[in-house]
Amino acid sequence: MPDADTPAPRGPFDLTGRRALVTGASQGIGADVVHGLAAAGADVVLTGRHRAPLEELGAEVEHRHGVRTAVVVADLASAAETEQLAEDALAAFGGLDVLVANAGISVPQSVVDVDADTWDRVLAVNLRAPALLGSRVGRAMAAAGGGSIVMVSSVAGSLALAEHYSYCASKAALTMAAKVLALELGPAGVRANVVSPTVVMTEMGQRVWGEEEKAAPMLSRIPLGHFALPPDVANAVVFLASDAAAMVNGQDLRLDGGFTAA
């Protein structure tokens, strides 16, 4: 990201004056998405479970990109906190034009070892929270004349991965939730799309796939020969949020290096 105090020209994906909410904003993909949206001119509401890293990121973003930020702390495992997040994020800048449902968790378990508490938590964070936000924020966008919803899913939503029972199920359902949002809210000018990366080398990705022995079989199936990085996802999100994607609705954009091409 640029270090200059003066914001760079916005380019073809101009989001100047638009207001965005990014979940899971404090690190990894979320932090890069926040920078990407801000670099394009958007004011950004940052949310996560811990205030300090969100405020630190917000201050950095304001300095680098000359936009406004706001912080809302919420635990997306809680339905009540998710509902409150929608209200608070909409109030922060008087509405939202972009929702990026990025927050997600993965707890590798074999199917024979899965426990109900883990299953419920993964589904709550990865599916229920973005679905509720899509509903509540999408309703406000529709009333205001339009907007863009981007769900961060995974190729694990279409291809089964061992020891990812709850994760695969949650991401498959998230992709379909986005399609229903696209169908119902499209007539009001609200677009809903999904980005589905392969393994992204965030802290979580490194933890699950960092061992060469485990990563090698997966890498051998990716024609480009490497996993994704957070900026790969952020660039796709900015595109889908912008008017450059004005006719893109209900789509699953796979950022997988050709993994699902065959």
Protein backbone atom coordinates (compact mmCIF):
# COMPACT_ATOMS: atom_id res chain seq x y z
CA MET A 1 0.00 0.00 0.00
CA PRO A 2 1.22 3.56 -0.67
CA ASP A 3 2.99 5.40 2.15
CA ALA A 4 2.52 8.93 0.82
CA ASP A 5 0.41 11.33 2.83
CA THR A 6 -1.44 12.45 -0.29
CA PRO A 7 -3.99 9.91 -1.56
CA ALA A 8 -3.16 8.46 -4.98
CA PRO A 9 -5.55 8.84 -7.92
CA ARG A 10 -8.46 6.45 -7.51
CA GLY A 11 -8.35 4.83 -10.96
CA PRO A 12 -11.14 2.97 -12.78
CA PHE A 13 -12.63 1.44 -9.63
CA ASP A 14 -13.51 4.72 -7.94
CA LEU A 15 -15.46 4.37 -4.70
CA THR A 16 -15.17 7.98 -3.59
CA GLY A 17 -17.94 8.91 -1.17
CA ARG A 18 -19.19 5.37 -0.72
CA ARG A 19 -19.51 3.74 2.66
CA ALA A 20 -18.41 0.18 3.34
CA LEU A 21 -18.60 -2.35 6.16
CA VAL A 22 -15.88 -5.00 6.38
CA THR A 23 -16.18 -7.87 8.85
CA GLY A 24 -13.09 -9.60 10.17
CA ALA A 25 -11.28 -6.36 9.39
CA SER A 26 -8.37 -6.38 11.82
CA GLN A 27 -6.01 -8.80 10.07
CA GLY A 28 -5.35 -11.00 7.06
CA ILE A 29 -7.77 -10.69 4.14
CA GLY A 30 -9.95 -8.21 6.01
CA ALA A 31 -7.16 -5.69 6.59
CA ASP A 32 -6.15 -5.81 2.93
CA VAL A 33 -9.78 -5.37 1.88
CA VAL A 34 -10.06 -2.32 4.13
CA HIS A 35 -6.95 -0.79 2.55
CA GLY A 36 -8.17 -1.63 -0.95
CA LEU A 37 -11.58 -0.03 -0.45
CA ALA A 38 -10.06 3.02 1.22
CA ALA A 39 -7.48 3.42 -1.54
CA ALA A 40 -10.42 3.54 -3.97
CA GLY A 41 -12.00 6.31 -1.89
CA ALA A 42 -14.50 4.54 0.36
CA ASP A 43 -15.17 5.38 3.99
CA VAL A 44 -14.97 2.13 5.94
CA VAL A 45 -16.60 0.70 9.04
CA LEU A 46 -14.26 -1.87 10.56
CA THR A 47 -15.57 -4.66 12.74
CA GLY A 48 -14.08 -7.52 14.69
CA ARG A 49 -13.97 -8.83 18.24
CA HIS A 50 -11.16 -6.65 19.57
CA ARG A 51 -11.16 -2.86 19.54
CA ALA A 52 -7.44 -2.04 19.77
CA PRO A 53 -6.27 -3.56 16.45
CA LEU A 54 -9.31 -2.14 14.67
CA GLU A 55 -8.59 1.36 15.95
CA GLU A 56 -4.93 1.02 15.02
CA LEU A 57 -5.84 -0.04 11.49
CA GLY A 58 -8.44 2.71 11.22
CA ALA A 59 -5.89 5.37 12.12
CA GLU A 60 -3.44 4.00 9.56
CA VAL A 61 -6.11 3.91 6.85
CA GLU A 62 -7.22 7.48 7.52
CA HIS A 63 -3.62 8.70 7.35
CA ARG A 64 -2.73 6.83 4.16
CA HIS A 65 -5.91 7.24 2.17
CA GLY A 66 -7.65 10.34 3.49
CA VAL A 67 -10.98 8.66 4.18
CA ARG A 68 -13.14 8.27 7.27
CA THR A 69 -13.20 5.10 9.36
CA ALA A 70 -15.36 3.90 12.22
CA VAL A 71 -14.97 0.93 14.55
CA VAL A 72 -17.75 -1.36 15.77
CA VAL A 73 -16.84 -4.28 18.02
CA ALA A 74 -18.96 -7.40 17.59
CA ASP A 75 -18.72 -11.16 18.03
CA LEU A 76 -20.37 -12.68 14.96
CA ALA A 77 -20.91 -15.96 16.80
CA SER A 78 -23.73 -14.07 18.54
CA ALA A 79 -26.90 -13.43 16.57
CA ALA A 80 -27.80 -10.50 18.82
CA GLU A 81 -24.41 -8.84 18.32
CA THR A 82 -24.66 -9.39 14.57
CA GLU A 83 -28.03 -7.66 14.48
CA GLN A 84 -26.65 -4.77 16.53
CA LEU A 85 -23.64 -4.55 14.23
CA ALA A 86 -25.92 -4.00 11.26
CA GLU A 87 -27.65 -1.12 13.04
CA ASP A 88 -24.45 0.48 14.29
CA ALA A 89 -22.64 0.17 10.95
CA LEU A 90 -25.56 1.73 9.07
CA ALA A 91 -25.62 4.59 11.57
CA ALA A 92 -21.88 5.27 11.47
CA PHE A 93 -21.93 7.22 8.19
CA GLY A 94 -25.67 7.45 7.55
CA GLY A 95 -25.96 4.30 5.43
CA LEU A 96 -23.87 1.71 3.61
CA ASP A 97 -23.12 1.21 -0.07
CA VAL A 98 -20.83 -1.82 0.27
CA LEU A 99 -20.92 -4.84 2.57
CA VAL A 100 -17.94 -7.21 2.62
CA ALA A 101 -18.73 -10.29 4.70
CA ASN A 102 -15.19 -11.53 5.19
CA ALA A 103 -15.03 -12.92 8.72
CA GLY A 104 -14.72 -16.67 8.92
CA ILE A 105 -13.28 -19.44 11.05
CA SER A 106 -12.03 -22.96 10.37
CA VAL A 107 -11.66 -25.73 12.92
CA PRO A 108 -10.27 -28.82 11.19
CA GLN A 109 -12.00 -31.98 12.38
CA SER A 110 -12.63 -35.34 10.77
CA VAL A 111 -16.28 -36.16 10.18
CA VAL A 112 -16.21 -38.85 12.86
CA ASP A 113 -14.81 -36.43 15.46
CA VAL A 114 -17.01 -33.41 14.83
CA ASP A 115 -18.74 -32.01 17.91
CA ALA A 116 -21.95 -30.01 18.01
CA ASP A 117 -20.48 -26.92 19.67
CA THR A 118 -17.76 -26.54 17.04
CA TRP A 119 -20.22 -27.18 14.21
CA ASP A 120 -22.63 -24.56 15.54
CA ARG A 121 -19.91 -21.94 16.04
CA VAL A 122 -18.45 -22.37 12.55
CA LEU A 123 -21.91 -22.17 10.97
CA ALA A 124 -22.81 -19.15 13.10
CA VAL A 125 -19.76 -17.13 12.09
CA ASN A 126 -19.38 -18.32 8.49
CA LEU A 127 -23.04 -18.49 7.46
CA ARG A 128 -25.57 -17.07 9.88
CA ALA A 129 -23.72 -13.80 10.48
CA PRO A 130 -23.15 -12.89 6.80
CA ALA A 131 -26.67 -14.02 5.94
CA LEU A 132 -28.16 -11.77 8.62
CA LEU A 133 -25.94 -8.85 7.61
CA GLY A 134 -26.87 -9.40 3.97
CA SER A 135 -30.52 -9.26 4.95
CA ARG A 136 -30.38 -6.21 7.22
CA VAL A 137 -27.82 -4.17 5.31
CA GLY A 138 -29.28 -5.30 1.99
CA ARG A 139 -32.70 -4.05 3.04
CA ALA A 140 -31.25 -0.61 3.80
CA MET A 141 -29.33 -0.57 0.52
CA ALA A 142 -32.48 -1.45 -1.40
CA ALA A 143 -34.39 1.37 0.26
CA ALA A 144 -31.58 3.79 -0.64
CA GLY A 145 -31.45 2.72 -4.29
CA GLY A 146 -28.65 0.17 -4.49
CA GLY A 147 -25.37 -1.22 -3.27
CA SER A 148 -22.94 -4.10 -3.47
CA ILE A 149 -22.69 -7.12 -1.19
CA VAL A 150 -19.58 -9.28 -1.42
CA MET A 151 -19.36 -12.57 0.47
CA VAL A 152 -15.90 -14.08 0.97
CA SER A 153 -16.38 -17.82 0.49
CA SER A 154 -13.90 -20.49 -0.61
CA VAL A 155 -13.39 -23.17 -3.23
CA ALA A 156 -14.11 -25.42 -0.24
CA GLY A 157 -17.73 -24.46 -0.85
CA SER A 158 -17.78 -26.43 -4.08
CA LEU A 159 -15.05 -29.07 -3.59
CA ALA A 160 -14.88 -31.24 -0.51
CA LEU A 161 -11.78 -31.04 1.69
CA ALA A 162 -10.97 -33.68 4.29
CA GLU A 163 -11.19 -32.50 7.90
CA HIS A 164 -13.21 -29.44 6.83
CA TYR A 165 -16.73 -30.78 7.42
CA SER A 166 -18.29 -27.69 9.00
CA TYR A 167 -16.19 -25.25 6.96
CA CYS A 168 -17.13 -26.77 3.59
CA ALA A 169 -20.81 -26.88 4.56
CA SER A 170 -20.79 -23.27 5.70
CA LYS A 171 -19.11 -21.97 2.55
CA ALA A 172 -21.35 -23.94 0.20
CA ALA A 173 -24.41 -22.48 1.91
CA LEU A 174 -22.91 -18.97 1.90
CA THR A 175 -22.55 -19.05 -1.87
CA MET A 176 -26.22 -19.96 -2.26
CA ALA A 177 -27.23 -17.29 0.26
CA ALA A 178 -25.52 -14.69 -1.93
CA LYS A 179 -27.39 -15.94 -4.98
CA VAL A 180 -30.73 -15.54 -3.18
CA LEU A 181 -29.75 -12.02 -2.13
CA ALA A 182 -28.88 -11.29 -5.77
CA LEU A 183 -32.23 -12.62 -6.93
CA GLU A 184 -34.40 -10.78 -4.42
CA LEU A 185 -32.50 -7.50 -4.08
CA GLY A 186 -31.31 -7.12 -7.66
CA PRO A 187 -34.51 -5.36 -8.78
CA ALA A 188 -33.74 -2.66 -6.18
CA GLY A 189 -30.23 -2.15 -7.51
CA VAL A 190 -28.39 -4.25 -4.93
CA ARG A 191 -25.81 -6.67 -6.34
CA ALA A 192 -24.62 -9.68 -4.35
CA ASN A 193 -21.60 -11.75 -5.35
CA VAL A 194 -19.08 -14.17 -3.92
CA VAL A 195 -15.32 -14.42 -4.13
CA SER A 196 -14.02 -17.96 -3.63
CA PRO A 197 -10.26 -18.18 -3.17
CA THR A 198 -8.20 -21.28 -2.81
CA VAL A 199 -6.03 -21.41 0.31
CA VAL A 200 -5.07 -17.84 1.28
CA MET A 201 -1.83 -17.52 3.19
CA THR A 202 -3.14 -15.57 6.14
CA GLU A 203 -2.23 -16.53 9.70
CA MET A 204 -5.08 -19.04 9.66
CA GLY A 205 -4.04 -20.37 6.24
CA GLN A 206 -0.47 -20.73 7.41
CA ARG A 207 -1.61 -22.60 10.50
CA VAL A 208 -3.68 -25.11 8.53
CA TRP A 209 -1.58 -25.42 5.34
CA GLY A 210 1.89 -24.25 6.38
CA GLU A 211 3.41 -27.71 6.60
CA GLU A 212 5.02 -28.65 3.28
CA GLU A 213 3.88 -32.25 3.55
CA LYS A 214 0.25 -31.19 3.86
CA ALA A 215 0.42 -28.36 1.32
CA ALA A 216 2.16 -30.26 -1.48
CA PRO A 217 -0.84 -32.33 -2.67
CA MET A 218 -3.02 -29.20 -2.80
CA LEU A 219 -0.37 -27.12 -4.58
CA SER A 220 0.08 -29.84 -7.18
CA ARG A 221 -3.57 -29.32 -8.19
CA ILE A 222 -3.22 -25.53 -8.70
CA PRO A 223 -1.93 -24.80 -12.23
CA LEU A 224 -0.32 -21.51 -11.14
CA GLY A 225 1.58 -23.45 -8.49
CA HIS A 226 0.99 -21.24 -5.46
CA PHE A 227 -1.65 -20.33 -2.90
CA ALA A 228 -3.43 -16.97 -2.89
CA LEU A 229 -2.35 -13.91 -0.91
CA PRO A 230 -4.68 -11.44 0.85
CA PRO A 231 -4.22 -8.71 -1.83
CA ASP A 232 -5.52 -11.15 -4.46
CA VAL A 233 -8.82 -11.26 -2.61
CA ALA A 234 -8.87 -7.54 -1.84
CA ASN A 235 -8.45 -6.61 -5.51
CA ALA A 236 -11.39 -8.81 -6.49
CA VAL A 237 -13.55 -7.30 -3.74
CA VAL A 238 -12.80 -3.75 -4.89
CA PHE A 239 -13.76 -4.71 -8.44
CA LEU A 240 -17.08 -6.22 -7.33
CA ALA A 241 -17.82 -3.21 -5.12
CA SER A 242 -17.24 -0.75 -7.96
CA ASP A 243 -19.28 0.33 -10.97
CA ALA A 244 -16.84 -1.64 -13.13
CA ALA A 245 -18.88 -4.66 -12.02
CA ALA A 246 -22.25 -3.03 -12.63
CA MET A 247 -23.62 -6.09 -14.49
CA VAL A 248 -22.06 -8.69 -12.19
CA ASN A 249 -24.73 -10.13 -9.89
CA GLY A 250 -25.20 -13.54 -8.33
CA GLN A 251 -21.77 -14.76 -9.42
CA ASP A 252 -19.06 -16.81 -7.75
CA LEU A 253 -15.65 -15.40 -8.72
CA ARG A 254 -13.09 -18.13 -8.08
CA LEU A 255 -9.61 -16.97 -7.15
CA ASP A 256 -8.02 -20.38 -7.30
CA GLY A 257 -5.17 -20.28 -9.79
CA GLY A 258 -7.04 -22.73 -12.02
CA PHE A 259 -7.71 -25.29 -9.25
CA THR A 260 -11.32 -25.81 -10.38
CA ALA A 261 -10.66 -25.42 -14.13
CA ALA A 262 -10.52 -29.16 -14.83
